[in-house]
Amino acid sequence: FSLGTPVSSHSECIVYFIFSLSGTPDISVTVKEDDDVILPCSLSTNENVKKMLFDWQKEGTPTQKNVFLYDDGKYYNNGLLGQDKEFKDRVSHFPEELSHGNASIRIKKTRLEDNGTYSCKFPDLKQETKIKLVVGECLYKFVYYLKMKQSACTLGSTPAVILNNYFISVTYIIHSVIIFLILYVL
């Protein structure tokens, strides 16, 4: 992934890699409410993790929440118990990617309550990745820009438009229209 590159052609979220300082997330992921999101986690060695243990938790108050646990082929909803009810039937992994060291998960139908910091831990390897998930509230308005209908969302307090899988600030669009008018119309 790189800054400004869509995660996939069907995704409407952006993944930013940010510098890791102690206690801060390694990655920030932004998604609009009710969309699915992939939280990335993989071993840098691409080592097969099918026989390993990895644990996804959401940091919170007062305790951490159990999001997804995988242990040598067993996982929540398939032989293991203990997943927090708010994640039940909404979180899955990518079994075909385990042999490539990929322990990423998908959270379906994101909610505003999903906002927060998530950790992906490989306890036996003493490796941990932290991901900050930002779920934006969608207003389901429609904006016509470049003759394309796109949904408008607010991410935090900044209005944005999703255009070809990129979040573009409304301020940027207004500035672009003004520059276009000055250069080509006047």
N, C-alpha and C. Protein backbone atom coordinates (compact mmCIF):
# COMPACT_ATOMS: atom_id res chain seq x y z
N PHE A 1 0.84 -1.18 0.00
CA PHE A 1 0.00 0.00 0.00
C PHE A 1 0.88 1.25 0.00
N SER A 2 0.36 2.32 -0.52
CA SER A 2 1.05 3.59 -0.41
C SER A 2 0.02 4.68 -0.18
N LEU A 3 0.47 5.82 0.29
CA LEU A 3 -0.43 6.92 0.62
C LEU A 3 -1.24 7.30 -0.60
N GLY A 4 -2.56 7.31 -0.47
CA GLY A 4 -3.44 7.72 -1.55
C GLY A 4 -3.79 6.61 -2.52
N THR A 5 -3.32 5.41 -2.31
CA THR A 5 -3.65 4.30 -3.19
C THR A 5 -4.79 3.52 -2.59
N PRO A 6 -5.85 3.22 -3.37
CA PRO A 6 -6.96 2.47 -2.81
C PRO A 6 -6.52 1.07 -2.40
N VAL A 7 -7.17 0.51 -1.38
CA VAL A 7 -6.85 -0.82 -0.90
C VAL A 7 -7.21 -1.85 -1.96
N SER A 8 -8.36 -1.72 -2.58
CA SER A 8 -8.75 -2.59 -3.68
C SER A 8 -9.74 -1.84 -4.54
N SER A 9 -10.05 -2.39 -5.70
CA SER A 9 -10.94 -1.69 -6.61
C SER A 9 -12.37 -1.65 -6.08
N HIS A 10 -12.70 -2.48 -5.10
CA HIS A 10 -14.06 -2.50 -4.57
C HIS A 10 -14.16 -1.84 -3.21
N SER A 11 -13.07 -1.36 -2.70
CA SER A 11 -13.05 -0.81 -1.35
C SER A 11 -13.21 0.70 -1.38
N GLU A 12 -13.81 1.25 -0.35
CA GLU A 12 -13.94 2.68 -0.23
C GLU A 12 -13.24 3.16 1.03
N CYS A 13 -12.09 2.61 1.30
CA CYS A 13 -11.32 3.07 2.44
C CYS A 13 -9.90 3.35 2.00
N ILE A 14 -9.22 4.12 2.79
CA ILE A 14 -7.84 4.47 2.48
C ILE A 14 -6.99 4.01 3.65
N VAL A 15 -5.85 3.44 3.35
CA VAL A 15 -4.92 3.02 4.38
C VAL A 15 -3.72 3.94 4.32
N TYR A 16 -3.36 4.52 5.44
CA TYR A 16 -2.18 5.36 5.53
C TYR A 16 -1.18 4.69 6.45
N PHE A 17 0.07 4.60 6.02
CA PHE A 17 1.12 4.13 6.90
C PHE A 17 1.71 5.35 7.58
N ILE A 18 1.81 5.30 8.91
CA ILE A 18 2.35 6.41 9.66
C ILE A 18 3.51 5.91 10.50
N PHE A 19 4.40 6.81 10.86
CA PHE A 19 5.55 6.40 11.64
C PHE A 19 5.10 5.92 13.02
N SER A 20 5.69 4.83 13.46
CA SER A 20 5.33 4.24 14.74
C SER A 20 6.22 4.81 15.85
N LEU A 21 5.58 5.40 16.83
CA LEU A 21 6.25 5.81 18.05
C LEU A 21 5.70 4.90 19.12
N SER A 22 6.36 4.77 20.22
CA SER A 22 5.90 3.83 21.23
C SER A 22 4.47 4.14 21.64
N GLY A 23 3.61 3.12 21.54
CA GLY A 23 2.22 3.27 21.96
C GLY A 23 1.29 3.84 20.91
N THR A 24 1.81 4.29 19.77
CA THR A 24 0.93 4.85 18.74
C THR A 24 0.68 3.80 17.66
N PRO A 25 -0.44 3.92 16.95
CA PRO A 25 -0.74 2.95 15.89
C PRO A 25 0.31 2.99 14.77
N ASP A 26 0.55 1.83 14.16
CA ASP A 26 1.45 1.71 13.03
C ASP A 26 0.73 2.12 11.74
N ILE A 27 -0.58 1.90 11.72
CA ILE A 27 -1.39 2.10 10.51
C ILE A 27 -2.70 2.77 10.91
N SER A 28 -3.21 3.63 10.05
CA SER A 28 -4.52 4.23 10.24
C SER A 28 -5.40 3.86 9.04
N VAL A 29 -6.60 3.37 9.32
CA VAL A 29 -7.54 2.96 8.27
C VAL A 29 -8.82 3.77 8.44
N THR A 30 -9.31 4.33 7.34
CA THR A 30 -10.54 5.12 7.37
C THR A 30 -11.58 4.44 6.48
N VAL A 31 -12.81 4.36 6.97
CA VAL A 31 -13.88 3.72 6.22
C VAL A 31 -15.19 4.43 6.53
N LYS A 32 -16.13 4.39 5.60
CA LYS A 32 -17.42 4.98 5.91
C LYS A 32 -18.31 3.95 6.60
N GLU A 33 -19.19 4.45 7.44
CA GLU A 33 -20.09 3.62 8.22
C GLU A 33 -20.88 2.69 7.29
N ASP A 34 -21.10 1.46 7.76
CA ASP A 34 -21.84 0.40 7.06
C ASP A 34 -21.06 -0.29 5.96
N ASP A 35 -19.84 0.16 5.65
CA ASP A 35 -19.00 -0.54 4.68
C ASP A 35 -18.16 -1.58 5.40
N ASP A 36 -17.65 -2.53 4.63
CA ASP A 36 -16.70 -3.50 5.15
C ASP A 36 -15.31 -2.87 5.14
N VAL A 37 -14.45 -3.32 6.05
CA VAL A 37 -13.08 -2.80 6.09
C VAL A 37 -12.12 -3.95 6.36
N ILE A 38 -10.93 -3.85 5.80
CA ILE A 38 -9.87 -4.82 6.05
C ILE A 38 -8.84 -4.17 6.95
N LEU A 39 -8.55 -4.82 8.07
CA LEU A 39 -7.49 -4.37 8.96
C LEU A 39 -6.27 -5.24 8.65
N PRO A 40 -5.20 -4.62 8.12
CA PRO A 40 -4.04 -5.40 7.67
C PRO A 40 -3.12 -5.82 8.79
N CYS A 41 -2.60 -7.05 8.67
CA CYS A 41 -1.61 -7.56 9.60
C CYS A 41 -0.90 -8.73 8.92
N SER A 42 0.41 -8.64 8.85
CA SER A 42 1.15 -9.76 8.26
C SER A 42 2.57 -9.78 8.81
N LEU A 43 3.18 -10.93 8.71
CA LEU A 43 4.57 -11.07 9.12
C LEU A 43 5.46 -10.52 8.01
N SER A 44 6.49 -9.80 8.38
CA SER A 44 7.39 -9.24 7.37
C SER A 44 8.15 -10.34 6.62
N THR A 45 8.23 -11.51 7.21
CA THR A 45 8.95 -12.63 6.59
C THR A 45 8.06 -13.42 5.62
N ASN A 46 6.77 -13.11 5.57
CA ASN A 46 5.80 -13.86 4.75
C ASN A 46 5.74 -15.33 5.16
N GLU A 47 6.13 -15.62 6.38
CA GLU A 47 6.14 -16.98 6.91
C GLU A 47 4.72 -17.51 7.04
N ASN A 48 4.53 -18.79 6.76
CA ASN A 48 3.23 -19.45 6.88
C ASN A 48 2.74 -19.35 8.33
N VAL A 49 1.51 -18.85 8.53
CA VAL A 49 0.97 -18.70 9.88
C VAL A 49 -0.18 -19.68 10.17
N LYS A 50 -0.38 -20.67 9.30
CA LYS A 50 -1.48 -21.63 9.48
C LYS A 50 -1.40 -22.38 10.81
N LYS A 51 -0.20 -22.64 11.29
CA LYS A 51 0.00 -23.40 12.53
C LYS A 51 0.29 -22.50 13.73
N MET A 52 0.15 -21.20 13.53
CA MET A 52 0.50 -20.24 14.59
C MET A 52 -0.74 -19.73 15.31
N LEU A 53 -0.46 -18.95 16.34
CA LEU A 53 -1.49 -18.25 17.11
C LEU A 53 -1.37 -16.77 16.80
N PHE A 54 -2.50 -16.14 16.40
CA PHE A 54 -2.54 -14.68 16.33
C PHE A 54 -3.86 -14.21 16.91
N ASP A 55 -3.81 -13.05 17.54
CA ASP A 55 -4.92 -12.55 18.34
C ASP A 55 -5.19 -11.09 17.99
N TRP A 56 -6.43 -10.79 17.61
CA TRP A 56 -6.87 -9.42 17.33
C TRP A 56 -7.69 -8.93 18.51
N GLN A 57 -7.33 -7.77 19.05
CA GLN A 57 -8.09 -7.17 20.15
C GLN A 57 -8.32 -5.70 19.86
N LYS A 58 -9.40 -5.18 20.41
CA LYS A 58 -9.69 -3.75 20.33
C LYS A 58 -9.40 -3.17 21.70
N GLU A 59 -8.53 -2.15 21.71
CA GLU A 59 -8.22 -1.50 22.97
C GLU A 59 -9.41 -0.63 23.36
N GLY A 60 -9.72 -0.62 24.63
CA GLY A 60 -10.86 0.18 25.07
C GLY A 60 -10.97 0.22 26.57
N THR A 61 -11.99 0.91 26.99
CA THR A 61 -12.22 1.01 28.43
C THR A 61 -13.44 0.18 28.78
N PRO A 62 -13.45 -0.50 29.87
CA PRO A 62 -12.33 -0.67 30.81
C PRO A 62 -11.37 -1.77 30.38
N THR A 63 -11.80 -2.70 29.52
CA THR A 63 -10.90 -3.80 29.15
C THR A 63 -10.82 -3.91 27.62
N GLN A 64 -9.84 -4.69 27.17
CA GLN A 64 -9.74 -4.95 25.74
C GLN A 64 -10.85 -5.88 25.31
N LYS A 65 -11.27 -5.75 24.05
CA LYS A 65 -12.32 -6.61 23.51
C LYS A 65 -11.71 -7.63 22.57
N ASN A 66 -12.21 -8.86 22.64
CA ASN A 66 -11.73 -9.93 21.79
C ASN A 66 -12.42 -9.86 20.44
N VAL A 67 -11.65 -9.53 19.40
CA VAL A 67 -12.18 -9.35 18.06
C VAL A 67 -12.09 -10.64 17.26
N PHE A 68 -10.88 -11.22 17.20
CA PHE A 68 -10.66 -12.44 16.42
C PHE A 68 -9.44 -13.16 16.98
N LEU A 69 -9.55 -14.47 17.13
CA LEU A 69 -8.45 -15.29 17.61
C LEU A 69 -8.31 -16.48 16.68
N TYR A 70 -7.09 -16.74 16.25
CA TYR A 70 -6.78 -17.88 15.39
C TYR A 70 -5.68 -18.68 16.08
N ASP A 71 -5.89 -20.01 16.20
CA ASP A 71 -4.90 -20.85 16.84
C ASP A 71 -4.84 -22.20 16.13
N ASP A 72 -3.84 -22.36 15.25
CA ASP A 72 -3.58 -23.63 14.58
C ASP A 72 -4.84 -24.19 13.89
N GLY A 73 -5.53 -23.36 13.14
CA GLY A 73 -6.69 -23.81 12.37
C GLY A 73 -8.03 -23.60 13.05
N LYS A 74 -8.01 -23.33 14.35
CA LYS A 74 -9.25 -23.04 15.06
C LYS A 74 -9.37 -21.54 15.26
N TYR A 75 -10.59 -21.05 15.21
CA TYR A 75 -10.81 -19.61 15.37
C TYR A 75 -12.24 -19.38 15.83
N TYR A 76 -12.50 -18.13 16.23
CA TYR A 76 -13.86 -17.79 16.69
C TYR A 76 -14.86 -18.18 15.62
N ASN A 77 -15.98 -18.73 16.05
CA ASN A 77 -17.05 -19.25 15.19
C ASN A 77 -16.66 -20.56 14.51
N ASN A 78 -15.50 -21.12 14.86
CA ASN A 78 -15.09 -22.41 14.31
C ASN A 78 -14.24 -23.16 15.34
N GLY A 79 -14.83 -23.46 16.48
CA GLY A 79 -14.14 -24.25 17.49
C GLY A 79 -13.61 -23.47 18.68
N LEU A 80 -13.57 -22.15 18.60
CA LEU A 80 -13.09 -21.35 19.72
C LEU A 80 -14.19 -20.42 20.21
N LEU A 81 -14.26 -20.25 21.52
CA LEU A 81 -15.23 -19.35 22.14
C LEU A 81 -14.51 -18.15 22.72
N GLY A 82 -15.25 -17.09 23.04
CA GLY A 82 -14.68 -15.95 23.73
C GLY A 82 -14.73 -14.64 22.98
N GLN A 83 -15.24 -14.66 21.75
CA GLN A 83 -15.33 -13.42 20.98
C GLN A 83 -16.38 -12.49 21.58
N ASP A 84 -16.05 -11.18 21.66
CA ASP A 84 -17.03 -10.21 22.14
C ASP A 84 -18.24 -10.19 21.20
N LYS A 85 -19.43 -10.07 21.79
CA LYS A 85 -20.67 -10.19 21.02
C LYS A 85 -20.80 -9.14 19.93
N GLU A 86 -20.21 -7.96 20.11
CA GLU A 86 -20.34 -6.92 19.08
C GLU A 86 -19.60 -7.27 17.79
N PHE A 87 -18.69 -8.26 17.85
CA PHE A 87 -17.95 -8.68 16.66
C PHE A 87 -18.42 -10.02 16.10
N LYS A 88 -19.29 -10.70 16.82
CA LYS A 88 -19.78 -12.02 16.40
C LYS A 88 -20.47 -11.92 15.04
N ASP A 89 -20.11 -12.80 14.14
CA ASP A 89 -20.65 -12.89 12.78
C ASP A 89 -20.33 -11.67 11.92
N ARG A 90 -19.41 -10.81 12.36
CA ARG A 90 -19.01 -9.65 11.55
C ARG A 90 -17.52 -9.68 11.19
N VAL A 91 -16.74 -10.58 11.78
CA VAL A 91 -15.30 -10.59 11.55
C VAL A 91 -14.89 -11.92 10.93
N SER A 92 -14.07 -11.82 9.88
CA SER A 92 -13.55 -13.02 9.23
C SER A 92 -12.09 -12.79 8.85
N HIS A 93 -11.42 -13.88 8.54
CA HIS A 93 -10.03 -13.78 8.11
C HIS A 93 -9.93 -14.31 6.67
N PHE A 94 -8.72 -14.43 6.16
CA PHE A 94 -8.49 -14.86 4.79
C PHE A 94 -7.68 -16.16 4.80
N PRO A 95 -8.36 -17.32 4.92
CA PRO A 95 -7.66 -18.60 5.07
C PRO A 95 -6.63 -18.86 3.96
N GLU A 96 -6.94 -18.45 2.74
CA GLU A 96 -6.03 -18.71 1.62
C GLU A 96 -4.75 -17.86 1.70
N GLU A 97 -4.75 -16.84 2.53
CA GLU A 97 -3.59 -15.96 2.66
C GLU A 97 -2.69 -16.31 3.84
N LEU A 98 -3.13 -17.24 4.69
CA LEU A 98 -2.34 -17.60 5.87
C LEU A 98 -0.96 -18.15 5.49
N SER A 99 -0.88 -18.89 4.41
CA SER A 99 0.40 -19.48 4.00
C SER A 99 1.39 -18.41 3.53
N HIS A 100 0.93 -17.19 3.31
CA HIS A 100 1.79 -16.08 2.91
C HIS A 100 2.07 -15.12 4.07
N GLY A 101 1.72 -15.53 5.29
CA GLY A 101 1.98 -14.70 6.47
C GLY A 101 0.95 -13.62 6.72
N ASN A 102 -0.20 -13.70 6.04
CA ASN A 102 -1.23 -12.66 6.13
C ASN A 102 -2.27 -13.02 7.19
N ALA A 103 -2.34 -12.23 8.25
CA ALA A 103 -3.30 -12.44 9.34
C ALA A 103 -4.34 -11.32 9.37
N SER A 104 -4.56 -10.67 8.23
CA SER A 104 -5.53 -9.58 8.15
C SER A 104 -6.94 -10.09 8.41
N ILE A 105 -7.80 -9.18 8.88
CA ILE A 105 -9.21 -9.53 9.10
C ILE A 105 -10.11 -8.54 8.37
N ARG A 106 -11.33 -8.96 8.13
CA ARG A 106 -12.36 -8.10 7.56
C ARG A 106 -13.45 -7.91 8.61
N ILE A 107 -13.83 -6.65 8.84
CA ILE A 107 -14.98 -6.35 9.70
C ILE A 107 -16.10 -5.91 8.78
N LYS A 108 -17.22 -6.63 8.85
CA LYS A 108 -18.36 -6.33 7.99
C LYS A 108 -19.27 -5.28 8.64
N LYS A 109 -19.89 -4.49 7.79
CA LYS A 109 -20.89 -3.51 8.24
C LYS A 109 -20.37 -2.68 9.41
N THR A 110 -19.32 -1.89 9.19
CA THR A 110 -18.72 -1.11 10.26
C THR A 110 -19.74 -0.18 10.91
N ARG A 111 -19.53 0.04 12.19
CA ARG A 111 -20.38 0.91 13.01
C ARG A 111 -19.51 2.01 13.61
N LEU A 112 -20.15 3.09 14.01
CA LEU A 112 -19.40 4.17 14.67
C LEU A 112 -18.69 3.65 15.91
N GLU A 113 -19.30 2.67 16.60
CA GLU A 113 -18.70 2.09 17.82
C GLU A 113 -17.41 1.31 17.52
N ASP A 114 -17.16 1.00 16.24
CA ASP A 114 -15.94 0.27 15.87
C ASP A 114 -14.71 1.17 15.88
N ASN A 115 -14.90 2.50 15.94
CA ASN A 115 -13.77 3.42 16.02
C ASN A 115 -12.85 3.01 17.16
N GLY A 116 -11.55 3.09 16.94
CA GLY A 116 -10.62 2.80 18.02
C GLY A 116 -9.33 2.19 17.52
N THR A 117 -8.51 1.77 18.46
CA THR A 117 -7.22 1.16 18.14
C THR A 117 -7.31 -0.35 18.32
N TYR A 118 -6.87 -1.06 17.29
CA TYR A 118 -6.88 -2.52 17.27
C TYR A 118 -5.44 -3.02 17.28
N SER A 119 -5.23 -4.17 17.91
CA SER A 119 -3.89 -4.76 17.89
C SER A 119 -3.97 -6.17 17.33
N CYS A 120 -2.98 -6.50 16.53
CA CYS A 120 -2.81 -7.85 15.97
C CYS A 120 -1.53 -8.38 16.57
N LYS A 121 -1.65 -9.43 17.38
CA LYS A 121 -0.49 -9.94 18.12
C LYS A 121 -0.18 -11.38 17.71
N PHE A 122 1.11 -11.64 17.57
CA PHE A 122 1.64 -12.99 17.45
C PHE A 122 2.41 -13.23 18.74
N PRO A 123 1.75 -13.73 19.80
CA PRO A 123 2.39 -13.83 21.12
C PRO A 123 3.67 -14.67 21.12
N ASP A 124 3.69 -15.78 20.36
CA ASP A 124 4.87 -16.64 20.36
C ASP A 124 6.08 -15.97 19.70
N LEU A 125 5.82 -15.05 18.78
CA LEU A 125 6.89 -14.33 18.08
C LEU A 125 7.18 -12.98 18.71
N LYS A 126 6.35 -12.60 19.68
CA LYS A 126 6.45 -11.29 20.32
C LYS A 126 6.40 -10.15 19.29
N GLN A 127 5.47 -10.30 18.35
CA GLN A 127 5.26 -9.28 17.33
C GLN A 127 3.86 -8.72 17.46
N GLU A 128 3.74 -7.39 17.36
CA GLU A 128 2.44 -6.74 17.49
C GLU A 128 2.35 -5.59 16.49
N THR A 129 1.18 -5.45 15.87
CA THR A 129 0.88 -4.33 14.98
C THR A 129 -0.35 -3.63 15.53
N LYS A 130 -0.32 -2.30 15.58
CA LYS A 130 -1.48 -1.53 16.04
C LYS A 130 -2.08 -0.78 14.86
N ILE A 131 -3.39 -0.81 14.78
CA ILE A 131 -4.13 -0.15 13.70
C ILE A 131 -5.19 0.74 14.30
N LYS A 132 -5.23 1.98 13.84
CA LYS A 132 -6.29 2.90 14.26
C LYS A 132 -7.38 2.85 13.19
N LEU A 133 -8.60 2.53 13.62
CA LEU A 133 -9.74 2.48 12.71
C LEU A 133 -10.61 3.71 12.95
N VAL A 134 -10.86 4.45 11.87
CA VAL A 134 -11.74 5.62 11.92
C VAL A 134 -12.94 5.32 11.04
N VAL A 135 -14.12 5.27 11.65
CA VAL A 135 -15.36 5.03 10.92
C VAL A 135 -16.06 6.37 10.77
N GLY A 136 -16.31 6.79 9.52
CA GLY A 136 -16.95 8.07 9.24
C GLY A 136 -18.45 7.92 9.12
N GLU A 137 -19.16 8.88 9.66
CA GLU A 137 -20.62 8.89 9.59
C GLU A 137 -21.03 9.40 8.21
N CYS A 138 -21.88 8.65 7.53
CA CYS A 138 -22.31 9.02 6.18
C CYS A 138 -23.64 9.73 6.23
N LEU A 139 -23.73 10.78 5.45
CA LEU A 139 -24.97 11.56 5.39
C LEU A 139 -25.85 11.12 4.23
N TYR A 140 -25.32 10.26 3.36
CA TYR A 140 -26.04 9.75 2.20
C TYR A 140 -26.64 10.85 1.34
N LYS A 141 -25.92 11.95 1.23
CA LYS A 141 -26.28 12.97 0.27
C LYS A 141 -25.59 12.60 -1.03
N PHE A 142 -26.01 13.19 -2.10
CA PHE A 142 -25.34 12.91 -3.36
C PHE A 142 -24.77 14.19 -3.93
N VAL A 143 -23.58 14.10 -4.38
CA VAL A 143 -22.87 15.25 -4.92
C VAL A 143 -22.53 14.93 -6.37
N TYR A 144 -22.84 15.86 -7.27
CA TYR A 144 -22.47 15.68 -8.65
C TYR A 144 -21.15 16.40 -8.89
N TYR A 145 -20.14 15.66 -9.21
CA TYR A 145 -18.84 16.22 -9.48
C TYR A 145 -18.26 15.47 -10.66
N LEU A 146 -17.84 16.18 -11.65
CA LEU A 146 -17.38 15.58 -12.89
C LEU A 146 -18.45 14.67 -13.49
N LYS A 147 -19.70 15.08 -13.34
CA LYS A 147 -20.87 14.38 -13.87
C LYS A 147 -20.99 12.95 -13.34
N MET A 148 -20.49 12.72 -12.13
CA MET A 148 -20.59 11.40 -11.50
C MET A 148 -21.30 11.54 -10.17
N LYS A 149 -22.24 10.67 -9.89
CA LYS A 149 -22.94 10.70 -8.61
C LYS A 149 -22.11 9.92 -7.59
N GLN A 150 -21.74 10.58 -6.51
CA GLN A 150 -20.93 9.95 -5.46
C GLN A 150 -21.55 10.28 -4.11
N SER A 151 -21.41 9.40 -3.14
CA SER A 151 -21.97 9.66 -1.81
C SER A 151 -21.04 10.58 -1.03
N ALA A 152 -21.63 11.46 -0.23
CA ALA A 152 -20.84 12.39 0.58
C ALA A 152 -20.86 11.92 2.02
N CYS A 153 -19.71 11.99 2.65
CA CYS A 153 -19.58 11.54 4.03
C CYS A 153 -18.82 12.59 4.82
N THR A 154 -18.98 12.51 6.12
CA THR A 154 -18.11 13.31 6.97
C THR A 154 -17.22 12.35 7.73
N LEU A 155 -15.96 12.65 7.72
CA LEU A 155 -14.99 11.86 8.47
C LEU A 155 -14.48 12.78 9.56
N GLY A 156 -14.95 12.55 10.76
CA GLY A 156 -14.69 13.49 11.83
C GLY A 156 -15.51 14.72 11.55
N SER A 157 -14.88 15.87 11.41
CA SER A 157 -15.63 17.09 11.12
C SER A 157 -15.35 17.61 9.72
N THR A 158 -14.58 16.85 8.91
CA THR A 158 -14.21 17.30 7.58
C THR A 158 -15.08 16.62 6.53
N PRO A 159 -15.94 17.38 5.82
CA PRO A 159 -16.73 16.76 4.75
C PRO A 159 -15.83 16.23 3.66
N ALA A 160 -16.17 15.09 3.10
CA ALA A 160 -15.37 14.50 2.04
C ALA A 160 -16.28 13.83 1.02
N VAL A 161 -15.77 13.65 -0.17
CA VAL A 161 -16.50 12.97 -1.24
C VAL A 161 -15.68 11.74 -1.62
N ILE A 162 -16.34 10.62 -1.85
CA ILE A 162 -15.65 9.44 -2.31
C ILE A 162 -15.73 9.44 -3.82
N LEU A 163 -14.59 9.53 -4.48
CA LEU A 163 -14.53 9.60 -5.93
C LEU A 163 -13.48 8.63 -6.41
N ASN A 164 -13.92 7.61 -7.13
CA ASN A 164 -12.99 6.59 -7.61
C ASN A 164 -12.16 6.01 -6.47
N ASN A 165 -12.81 5.74 -5.36
CA ASN A 165 -12.21 5.11 -4.18
C ASN A 165 -11.25 6.00 -3.41
N TYR A 166 -11.24 7.32 -3.66
CA TYR A 166 -10.42 8.25 -2.91
C TYR A 166 -11.32 9.19 -2.13
N PHE A 167 -10.96 9.50 -0.89
CA PHE A 167 -11.65 10.53 -0.15
C PHE A 167 -11.06 11.87 -0.56
N ILE A 168 -11.89 12.78 -1.04
CA ILE A 168 -11.45 14.09 -1.46
C ILE A 168 -12.20 15.11 -0.62
N SER A 169 -11.49 16.04 -0.01
CA SER A 169 -12.17 17.01 0.83
C SER A 169 -13.00 17.95 -0.02
N VAL A 170 -14.13 18.37 0.52
CA VAL A 170 -15.02 19.28 -0.19
C VAL A 170 -14.30 20.61 -0.43
N THR A 171 -13.45 21.03 0.49
CA THR A 171 -12.67 22.25 0.31
C THR A 171 -11.78 22.14 -0.93
N TYR A 172 -11.15 20.99 -1.12
CA TYR A 172 -10.31 20.76 -2.29
C TYR A 172 -11.14 20.88 -3.57
N ILE A 173 -12.33 20.33 -3.58
CA ILE A 173 -13.19 20.40 -4.75
C ILE A 173 -13.57 21.84 -5.06
N ILE A 174 -13.93 22.61 -4.04
CA ILE A 174 -14.31 24.01 -4.24
C ILE A 174 -13.13 24.80 -4.80
N HIS A 175 -11.94 24.59 -4.24
CA HIS A 175 -10.75 25.28 -4.74
C HIS A 175 -10.47 24.91 -6.18
N SER A 176 -10.63 23.63 -6.53
CA SER A 176 -10.39 23.18 -7.90
C SER A 176 -11.37 23.82 -8.88
N VAL A 177 -12.63 23.93 -8.50
CA VAL A 177 -13.65 24.55 -9.35
C VAL A 177 -13.33 26.03 -9.56
N ILE A 178 -12.92 26.72 -8.51
CA ILE A 178 -12.58 28.14 -8.62
C ILE A 178 -11.40 28.32 -9.57
N ILE A 179 -10.36 27.50 -9.42
CA ILE A 179 -9.20 27.60 -10.31
C ILE A 179 -9.60 27.32 -11.75
N PHE A 180 -10.45 26.30 -11.96
CA PHE A 180 -10.93 25.99 -13.31
C PHE A 180 -11.67 27.18 -13.91
N LEU A 181 -12.54 27.79 -13.13
CA LEU A 181 -13.31 28.94 -13.62
C LEU A 181 -12.38 30.10 -13.97
N ILE A 182 -11.40 30.36 -13.15
CA ILE A 182 -10.47 31.46 -13.40
C ILE A 182 -9.66 31.19 -14.68
N LEU A 183 -9.16 29.97 -14.83
CA LEU A 183 -8.29 29.66 -15.96
C LEU A 183 -9.02 29.49 -17.28
N TYR A 184 -10.20 28.90 -17.26
CA TYR A 184 -10.84 28.50 -18.51
C TYR A 184 -12.10 29.28 -18.87
N VAL A 185 -12.73 29.91 -17.93
CA VAL A 185 -13.99 30.59 -18.21
C VAL A 185 -13.81 32.10 -18.31
N LEU A 186 -13.00 32.64 -17.43
CA LEU A 186 -12.84 34.10 -17.38
C LEU A 186 -11.83 34.61 -18.35
